[in-house]
Amino acid sequence: MAGLAEAIGYEPRTAPGELALVHAFLNTWHADGPRERLESPERLRDWLVKRSLLAPAARVSVAEFEGVRRLRDGLRRLIGTPADGVAAAELEAINRLGRKMPLVVQFDAAGNPRLEPGGSGVQIAVARILAGIAAGRIEGTWPRLKLCRNVECQRIFYDTSKNHSAIWCSSQICGNRMHARAHRARAHRDGEA
């Protein structure tokens, strides 16, 4: 996608503030390009170190790796499912993982509260991601993260449309692909009639 995106001048928008980390985390898997960026505990460690969420010498256990991937996959399904269609079991799985990540309220010099991660290692990194979701919810930006409806893409994108109604990460790329696919299907169907 990057080659075509650059050719037509498409620049995807990253979520603002603390939600930017969540946005990057959710896009460690997508259908377009290399599907899975968190292929192993070592790749997860590298991703977290690159974002200053984990010390370079830290280790990531297989259990931590599997938990982080389950959280990411659950959050992606949560974003991609209409509010009334989220299964209770899916929510409980996300909540169960979230309960293991300590978050504490800290106040800055101006007296403003902020959620900060507690714990150590991978727990701090995941707690920072969850704190980003909470901050995004408070700021009203969390609902703007959406799953591209192009099944060949499935990127999480930040909806910058005025009425929050975007359904593709890019109307120039995925939107055009979906419209062309629908047109070909109609033409094929009409040709058989």
Foldseek 3Di string as FASTA:
>chain_A
DVVVCVVVVHDFDAFDDLLNVLQVLLQCAKLADPGHQLPDQVSVLVVCVVVVQADNVDGGDRVNSVLSVLLSVLVLVVQADPPVPDDPVSVVSNVVSVVVQDWDWDADPVRDTAIATDDDGSSRVVSSSVSSLVVCVVVVQNNQFHFAPQNNTRRTGGHPDPVSPDRHSDCVPSVVVVVVVVVVVVVVVVVVD
